[in-house]
Amino acid sequence: QVQLVESGGGLVQAGGSLRLSCAASGLAFNWYDIGWFRQTPGKEHESVASITPTGDSTYYANSVEGRFTISRNNGKNTVYLQLNSLKPEDTAVYYCNARPAAGAGVRGVHWGQGIQVTVSS
């Protein structure tokens, strides 16, 4: 059974930092791109960042570029999202997502349960 478990969320003041973790189990972690999405009430899922299996390529939404950093430790089956210079508009539920990398011989897209990040002004 595939599990993606997020941790590290919480309440922080504007300008502060958090580090989110996504621990994966039950899948061939090295064959998956891992991404972070976020959602606020009334808005669609927003793709925040993603990273390829080797970490050689990353993506960031314009809204977080320069403030958030995604990384992964394949030995620990874990992806991290460092959130710096947080703004109230970063408040959302953050979700971890695993999708097969290009050319990977695996199937299926998997989601974590989500974790709340709240940034107070």
N, C-alpha and C. Protein backbone atom coordinates (compact mmCIF):
# COMPACT_ATOMS: atom_id res chain seq x y z
N GLN A 1 0.84 -1.19 0.00
CA GLN A 1 0.00 0.00 0.00
C GLN A 1 0.88 1.25 0.00
N VAL A 2 0.61 2.11 -0.95
CA VAL A 2 1.39 3.35 -1.05
C VAL A 2 0.91 4.35 -0.01
N GLN A 3 1.87 4.95 0.67
CA GLN A 3 1.56 6.01 1.62
C GLN A 3 2.50 7.18 1.42
N LEU A 4 1.95 8.36 1.42
CA LEU A 4 2.72 9.60 1.45
C LEU A 4 2.26 10.35 2.68
N VAL A 5 3.18 10.62 3.58
CA VAL A 5 2.82 11.24 4.86
C VAL A 5 3.56 12.56 4.99
N GLU A 6 2.78 13.65 5.03
CA GLU A 6 3.35 14.97 5.19
C GLU A 6 3.50 15.31 6.67
N SER A 7 4.51 16.10 6.97
CA SER A 7 4.70 16.60 8.32
C SER A 7 5.41 17.94 8.26
N GLY A 8 5.40 18.65 9.38
CA GLY A 8 6.14 19.90 9.47
C GLY A 8 5.32 21.16 9.33
N GLY A 9 4.02 21.01 9.09
CA GLY A 9 3.19 22.19 8.96
C GLY A 9 2.93 22.85 10.30
N GLY A 10 2.17 23.93 10.27
CA GLY A 10 1.82 24.61 11.51
C GLY A 10 1.55 26.07 11.30
N LEU A 11 1.61 26.81 12.39
CA LEU A 11 1.34 28.25 12.40
C LEU A 11 2.65 28.99 12.55
N VAL A 12 2.85 29.98 11.68
CA VAL A 12 4.08 30.77 11.72
C VAL A 12 3.73 32.21 11.37
N GLN A 13 4.52 33.14 11.87
CA GLN A 13 4.31 34.55 11.54
C GLN A 13 4.88 34.87 10.17
N ALA A 14 4.34 35.88 9.56
CA ALA A 14 4.84 36.33 8.27
C ALA A 14 6.34 36.60 8.37
N GLY A 15 7.07 36.17 7.35
CA GLY A 15 8.52 36.30 7.35
C GLY A 15 9.24 35.09 7.92
N GLY A 16 8.49 34.21 8.55
CA GLY A 16 9.09 33.03 9.16
C GLY A 16 9.30 31.90 8.18
N SER A 17 9.72 30.76 8.72
CA SER A 17 10.07 29.60 7.90
C SER A 17 9.46 28.33 8.46
N LEU A 18 9.25 27.39 7.58
CA LEU A 18 8.84 26.04 7.93
C LEU A 18 9.53 25.08 6.98
N ARG A 19 9.68 23.84 7.41
CA ARG A 19 10.15 22.80 6.51
C ARG A 19 9.14 21.66 6.51
N LEU A 20 8.56 21.43 5.36
CA LEU A 20 7.64 20.32 5.20
C LEU A 20 8.40 19.08 4.75
N SER A 21 7.95 17.93 5.23
CA SER A 21 8.52 16.65 4.80
C SER A 21 7.42 15.78 4.23
N CYS A 22 7.79 14.97 3.26
CA CYS A 22 6.87 13.99 2.68
C CYS A 22 7.61 12.65 2.68
N ALA A 23 7.18 11.76 3.55
CA ALA A 23 7.79 10.44 3.67
C ALA A 23 6.96 9.43 2.90
N ALA A 24 7.59 8.74 1.97
CA ALA A 24 6.89 7.80 1.10
C ALA A 24 7.21 6.36 1.47
N SER A 25 6.24 5.50 1.28
CA SER A 25 6.44 4.07 1.47
C SER A 25 5.54 3.31 0.51
N GLY A 26 5.93 2.08 0.20
CA GLY A 26 5.11 1.24 -0.66
C GLY A 26 5.23 1.52 -2.14
N LEU A 27 6.23 2.29 -2.55
CA LEU A 27 6.43 2.55 -3.98
C LEU A 27 7.92 2.65 -4.27
N ALA A 28 8.25 2.48 -5.55
CA ALA A 28 9.65 2.58 -5.98
C ALA A 28 10.00 4.05 -6.08
N PHE A 29 10.38 4.61 -4.96
CA PHE A 29 10.51 6.07 -4.80
C PHE A 29 11.39 6.69 -5.87
N ASN A 30 12.46 6.00 -6.22
CA ASN A 30 13.43 6.55 -7.17
C ASN A 30 12.87 6.69 -8.57
N TRP A 31 11.68 6.17 -8.84
CA TRP A 31 11.09 6.25 -10.17
C TRP A 31 10.01 7.32 -10.26
N TYR A 32 9.86 8.09 -9.21
CA TYR A 32 8.77 9.06 -9.16
C TYR A 32 9.26 10.50 -9.07
N ASP A 33 8.63 11.37 -9.88
CA ASP A 33 8.70 12.80 -9.61
C ASP A 33 7.84 13.07 -8.38
N ILE A 34 8.32 13.94 -7.52
CA ILE A 34 7.56 14.30 -6.33
C ILE A 34 7.24 15.79 -6.40
N GLY A 35 6.01 16.10 -6.13
CA GLY A 35 5.59 17.49 -6.17
C GLY A 35 4.84 17.89 -4.92
N TRP A 36 4.79 19.19 -4.70
CA TRP A 36 3.99 19.77 -3.64
C TRP A 36 2.91 20.65 -4.30
N PHE A 37 1.71 20.48 -3.85
CA PHE A 37 0.58 21.29 -4.28
C PHE A 37 -0.01 21.96 -3.04
N ARG A 38 -0.79 22.99 -3.26
CA ARG A 38 -1.50 23.60 -2.13
C ARG A 38 -2.89 24.01 -2.57
N GLN A 39 -3.77 24.08 -1.59
CA GLN A 39 -5.15 24.45 -1.88
C GLN A 39 -5.71 25.28 -0.74
N THR A 40 -6.40 26.34 -1.12
CA THR A 40 -7.15 27.14 -0.16
C THR A 40 -8.62 27.07 -0.54
N PRO A 41 -9.51 27.29 0.43
CA PRO A 41 -10.94 27.20 0.14
C PRO A 41 -11.34 28.09 -1.04
N GLY A 42 -12.07 27.53 -1.97
CA GLY A 42 -12.56 28.28 -3.11
C GLY A 42 -11.58 28.40 -4.25
N LYS A 43 -10.39 27.85 -4.07
CA LYS A 43 -9.39 27.91 -5.14
C LYS A 43 -9.02 26.51 -5.60
N GLU A 44 -8.50 26.43 -6.81
CA GLU A 44 -8.05 25.15 -7.33
C GLU A 44 -6.71 24.78 -6.71
N HIS A 45 -6.40 23.47 -6.84
CA HIS A 45 -5.06 23.03 -6.48
C HIS A 45 -4.02 23.85 -7.25
N GLU A 46 -3.00 24.33 -6.55
CA GLU A 46 -1.91 25.05 -7.19
C GLU A 46 -0.65 24.22 -7.06
N SER A 47 0.01 23.98 -8.18
CA SER A 47 1.30 23.30 -8.14
C SER A 47 2.34 24.27 -7.61
N VAL A 48 3.03 23.88 -6.56
CA VAL A 48 3.99 24.77 -5.89
C VAL A 48 5.41 24.48 -6.33
N ALA A 49 5.79 23.21 -6.32
CA ALA A 49 7.15 22.82 -6.65
C ALA A 49 7.17 21.34 -6.98
N SER A 50 8.19 20.93 -7.72
CA SER A 50 8.36 19.51 -8.00
C SER A 50 9.82 19.22 -8.24
N ILE A 51 10.16 17.92 -8.15
CA ILE A 51 11.55 17.51 -8.30
C ILE A 51 11.59 16.15 -8.97
N THR A 52 12.55 15.98 -9.86
CA THR A 52 12.72 14.71 -10.57
C THR A 52 13.42 13.69 -9.67
N PRO A 53 13.44 12.43 -10.07
CA PRO A 53 14.00 11.39 -9.20
C PRO A 53 15.44 11.63 -8.76
N THR A 54 16.26 12.14 -9.66
CA THR A 54 17.66 12.37 -9.27
C THR A 54 17.87 13.74 -8.66
N GLY A 55 16.83 14.57 -8.70
CA GLY A 55 16.97 15.92 -8.18
C GLY A 55 17.63 16.88 -9.15
N ASP A 56 17.87 16.44 -10.38
CA ASP A 56 18.59 17.29 -11.33
C ASP A 56 17.70 18.36 -11.93
N SER A 57 16.41 18.23 -11.76
CA SER A 57 15.50 19.23 -12.30
C SER A 57 14.41 19.53 -11.29
N THR A 58 14.17 20.81 -11.10
CA THR A 58 13.13 21.25 -10.18
C THR A 58 12.24 22.28 -10.87
N TYR A 59 11.05 22.42 -10.34
CA TYR A 59 10.09 23.40 -10.83
C TYR A 59 9.54 24.17 -9.64
N TYR A 60 9.33 25.47 -9.85
CA TYR A 60 8.70 26.29 -8.82
C TYR A 60 7.65 27.19 -9.46
N ALA A 61 6.55 27.34 -8.78
CA ALA A 61 5.57 28.33 -9.21
C ALA A 61 6.16 29.72 -9.05
N ASN A 62 5.72 30.62 -9.90
CA ASN A 62 6.23 32.01 -9.82
C ASN A 62 6.01 32.60 -8.43
N SER A 63 4.92 32.22 -7.81
CA SER A 63 4.55 32.81 -6.52
C SER A 63 5.49 32.41 -5.39
N VAL A 64 6.27 31.35 -5.57
CA VAL A 64 7.15 30.88 -4.51
C VAL A 64 8.62 30.88 -4.91
N GLU A 65 8.91 31.15 -6.18
CA GLU A 65 10.29 31.13 -6.68
C GLU A 65 11.16 32.04 -5.82
N GLY A 66 12.29 31.53 -5.38
CA GLY A 66 13.22 32.31 -4.57
C GLY A 66 12.93 32.24 -3.08
N ARG A 67 11.78 31.71 -2.71
CA ARG A 67 11.44 31.62 -1.28
C ARG A 67 11.34 30.16 -0.82
N PHE A 68 10.91 29.29 -1.69
CA PHE A 68 10.75 27.87 -1.36
C PHE A 68 11.84 27.06 -2.05
N THR A 69 12.27 25.99 -1.41
CA THR A 69 13.27 25.09 -1.98
C THR A 69 12.83 23.65 -1.79
N ILE A 70 12.80 22.90 -2.88
CA ILE A 70 12.44 21.49 -2.81
C ILE A 70 13.72 20.66 -2.91
N SER A 71 13.77 19.57 -2.15
CA SER A 71 14.91 18.67 -2.19
C SER A 71 14.41 17.27 -1.84
N ARG A 72 15.26 16.29 -2.08
CA ARG A 72 14.86 14.92 -1.75
C ARG A 72 16.05 14.12 -1.27
N ASN A 73 15.77 13.14 -0.43
CA ASN A 73 16.75 12.19 0.06
C ASN A 73 16.23 10.81 -0.32
N ASN A 74 16.74 10.26 -1.40
CA ASN A 74 16.23 8.98 -1.89
C ASN A 74 16.54 7.83 -0.92
N GLY A 75 17.59 7.97 -0.15
CA GLY A 75 17.91 6.94 0.84
C GLY A 75 16.89 6.86 1.95
N LYS A 76 16.17 7.98 2.16
CA LYS A 76 15.15 8.02 3.20
C LYS A 76 13.74 8.07 2.62
N ASN A 77 13.64 7.98 1.29
CA ASN A 77 12.32 8.05 0.63
C ASN A 77 11.55 9.29 1.09
N THR A 78 12.23 10.39 1.15
CA THR A 78 11.62 11.61 1.69
C THR A 78 11.93 12.81 0.80
N VAL A 79 10.94 13.65 0.64
CA VAL A 79 11.10 14.92 -0.06
C VAL A 79 10.81 16.04 0.93
N TYR A 80 11.56 17.11 0.80
CA TYR A 80 11.42 18.25 1.70
C TYR A 80 11.01 19.49 0.91
N LEU A 81 10.29 20.35 1.56
CA LEU A 81 9.98 21.66 1.00
C LEU A 81 10.29 22.70 2.07
N GLN A 82 11.35 23.44 1.84
CA GLN A 82 11.74 24.52 2.75
C GLN A 82 10.98 25.78 2.36
N LEU A 83 10.24 26.31 3.30
CA LEU A 83 9.43 27.49 3.05
C LEU A 83 10.03 28.65 3.83
N ASN A 84 10.57 29.61 3.14
CA ASN A 84 11.16 30.80 3.76
C ASN A 84 10.38 32.06 3.38
N SER A 85 10.59 33.10 4.15
CA SER A 85 9.94 34.39 3.88
C SER A 85 8.45 34.21 3.64
N LEU A 86 7.82 33.50 4.52
CA LEU A 86 6.41 33.15 4.34
C LEU A 86 5.52 34.38 4.39
N LYS A 87 4.48 34.32 3.59
CA LYS A 87 3.50 35.40 3.49
C LYS A 87 2.12 34.85 3.87
N PRO A 88 1.23 35.72 4.31
CA PRO A 88 -0.12 35.23 4.63
C PRO A 88 -0.78 34.51 3.47
N GLU A 89 -0.48 34.92 2.25
CA GLU A 89 -1.08 34.26 1.09
C GLU A 89 -0.53 32.85 0.84
N ASP A 90 0.48 32.45 1.59
CA ASP A 90 0.97 31.07 1.51
C ASP A 90 0.12 30.13 2.36
N THR A 91 -0.78 30.68 3.13
CA THR A 91 -1.66 29.86 3.96
C THR A 91 -2.49 28.93 3.08
N ALA A 92 -2.41 27.64 3.37
CA ALA A 92 -3.11 26.64 2.56
C ALA A 92 -2.89 25.27 3.18
N VAL A 93 -3.60 24.30 2.64
CA VAL A 93 -3.28 22.91 2.92
C VAL A 93 -2.30 22.46 1.83
N TYR A 94 -1.18 21.94 2.25
CA TYR A 94 -0.13 21.51 1.33
C TYR A 94 -0.19 19.99 1.18
N TYR A 95 -0.14 19.55 -0.06
CA TYR A 95 -0.23 18.12 -0.38
C TYR A 95 1.03 17.66 -1.11
N CYS A 96 1.45 16.48 -0.77
CA CYS A 96 2.56 15.82 -1.46
C CYS A 96 1.97 14.92 -2.54
N ASN A 97 2.65 14.86 -3.68
CA ASN A 97 2.16 14.10 -4.83
C ASN A 97 3.31 13.33 -5.45
N ALA A 98 3.07 12.08 -5.80
CA ALA A 98 4.06 11.26 -6.49
C ALA A 98 3.49 10.82 -7.82
N ARG A 99 4.21 11.08 -8.88
CA ARG A 99 3.77 10.65 -10.21
C ARG A 99 4.95 10.03 -10.93
N PRO A 100 4.70 9.04 -11.77
CA PRO A 100 5.80 8.37 -12.44
C PRO A 100 6.65 9.34 -13.26
N ALA A 101 7.95 9.22 -13.15
CA ALA A 101 8.86 10.03 -13.95
C ALA A 101 8.79 9.60 -15.41
N ALA A 102 9.23 10.46 -16.29
CA ALA A 102 9.23 10.17 -17.73
C ALA A 102 10.03 8.90 -17.98
N GLY A 103 9.40 7.96 -18.69
CA GLY A 103 10.07 6.73 -19.04
C GLY A 103 10.14 5.69 -17.93
N ALA A 104 9.59 6.00 -16.78
CA ALA A 104 9.65 5.06 -15.66
C ALA A 104 8.66 3.91 -15.89
N GLY A 105 9.03 2.76 -15.48
CA GLY A 105 8.19 1.58 -15.67
C GLY A 105 7.25 1.34 -14.51
N VAL A 106 6.63 2.40 -14.03
CA VAL A 106 5.67 2.30 -12.94
C VAL A 106 4.43 3.08 -13.33
N ARG A 107 3.36 2.81 -12.64
CA ARG A 107 2.10 3.48 -12.93
C ARG A 107 1.47 3.97 -11.64
N GLY A 108 0.60 4.95 -11.79
CA GLY A 108 -0.18 5.41 -10.65
C GLY A 108 0.30 6.74 -10.11
N VAL A 109 -0.63 7.58 -9.74
CA VAL A 109 -0.36 8.85 -9.11
C VAL A 109 -0.89 8.77 -7.68
N HIS A 110 -0.09 9.25 -6.76
CA HIS A 110 -0.43 9.09 -5.35
C HIS A 110 -0.39 10.43 -4.64
N TRP A 111 -1.25 10.58 -3.64
CA TRP A 111 -1.36 11.82 -2.89
C TRP A 111 -1.25 11.55 -1.39
N GLY A 112 -0.67 12.51 -0.70
CA GLY A 112 -0.71 12.49 0.75
C GLY A 112 -2.02 13.05 1.25
N GLN A 113 -2.17 13.05 2.56
CA GLN A 113 -3.43 13.49 3.16
C GLN A 113 -3.51 15.00 3.33
N GLY A 114 -2.39 15.66 3.19
CA GLY A 114 -2.37 17.11 3.30
C GLY A 114 -2.00 17.57 4.69
N ILE A 115 -1.40 18.76 4.75
CA ILE A 115 -1.02 19.34 6.04
C ILE A 115 -1.23 20.84 5.98
N GLN A 116 -1.71 21.39 7.07
CA GLN A 116 -2.06 22.80 7.11
C GLN A 116 -0.83 23.66 7.39
N VAL A 117 -0.69 24.71 6.60
CA VAL A 117 0.28 25.76 6.86
C VAL A 117 -0.50 27.06 7.00
N THR A 118 -0.32 27.73 8.12
CA THR A 118 -1.01 28.99 8.37
C THR A 118 0.02 30.06 8.68
N VAL A 119 -0.04 31.15 7.93
CA VAL A 119 0.89 32.26 8.11
C VAL A 119 0.10 33.47 8.59
N SER A 120 0.42 33.93 9.78
CA SER A 120 -0.28 35.08 10.35
C SER A 120 0.43 36.37 9.99
N SER A 121 -0.33 37.43 9.83
CA SER A 121 0.25 38.72 9.46
C SER A 121 0.66 39.52 10.68
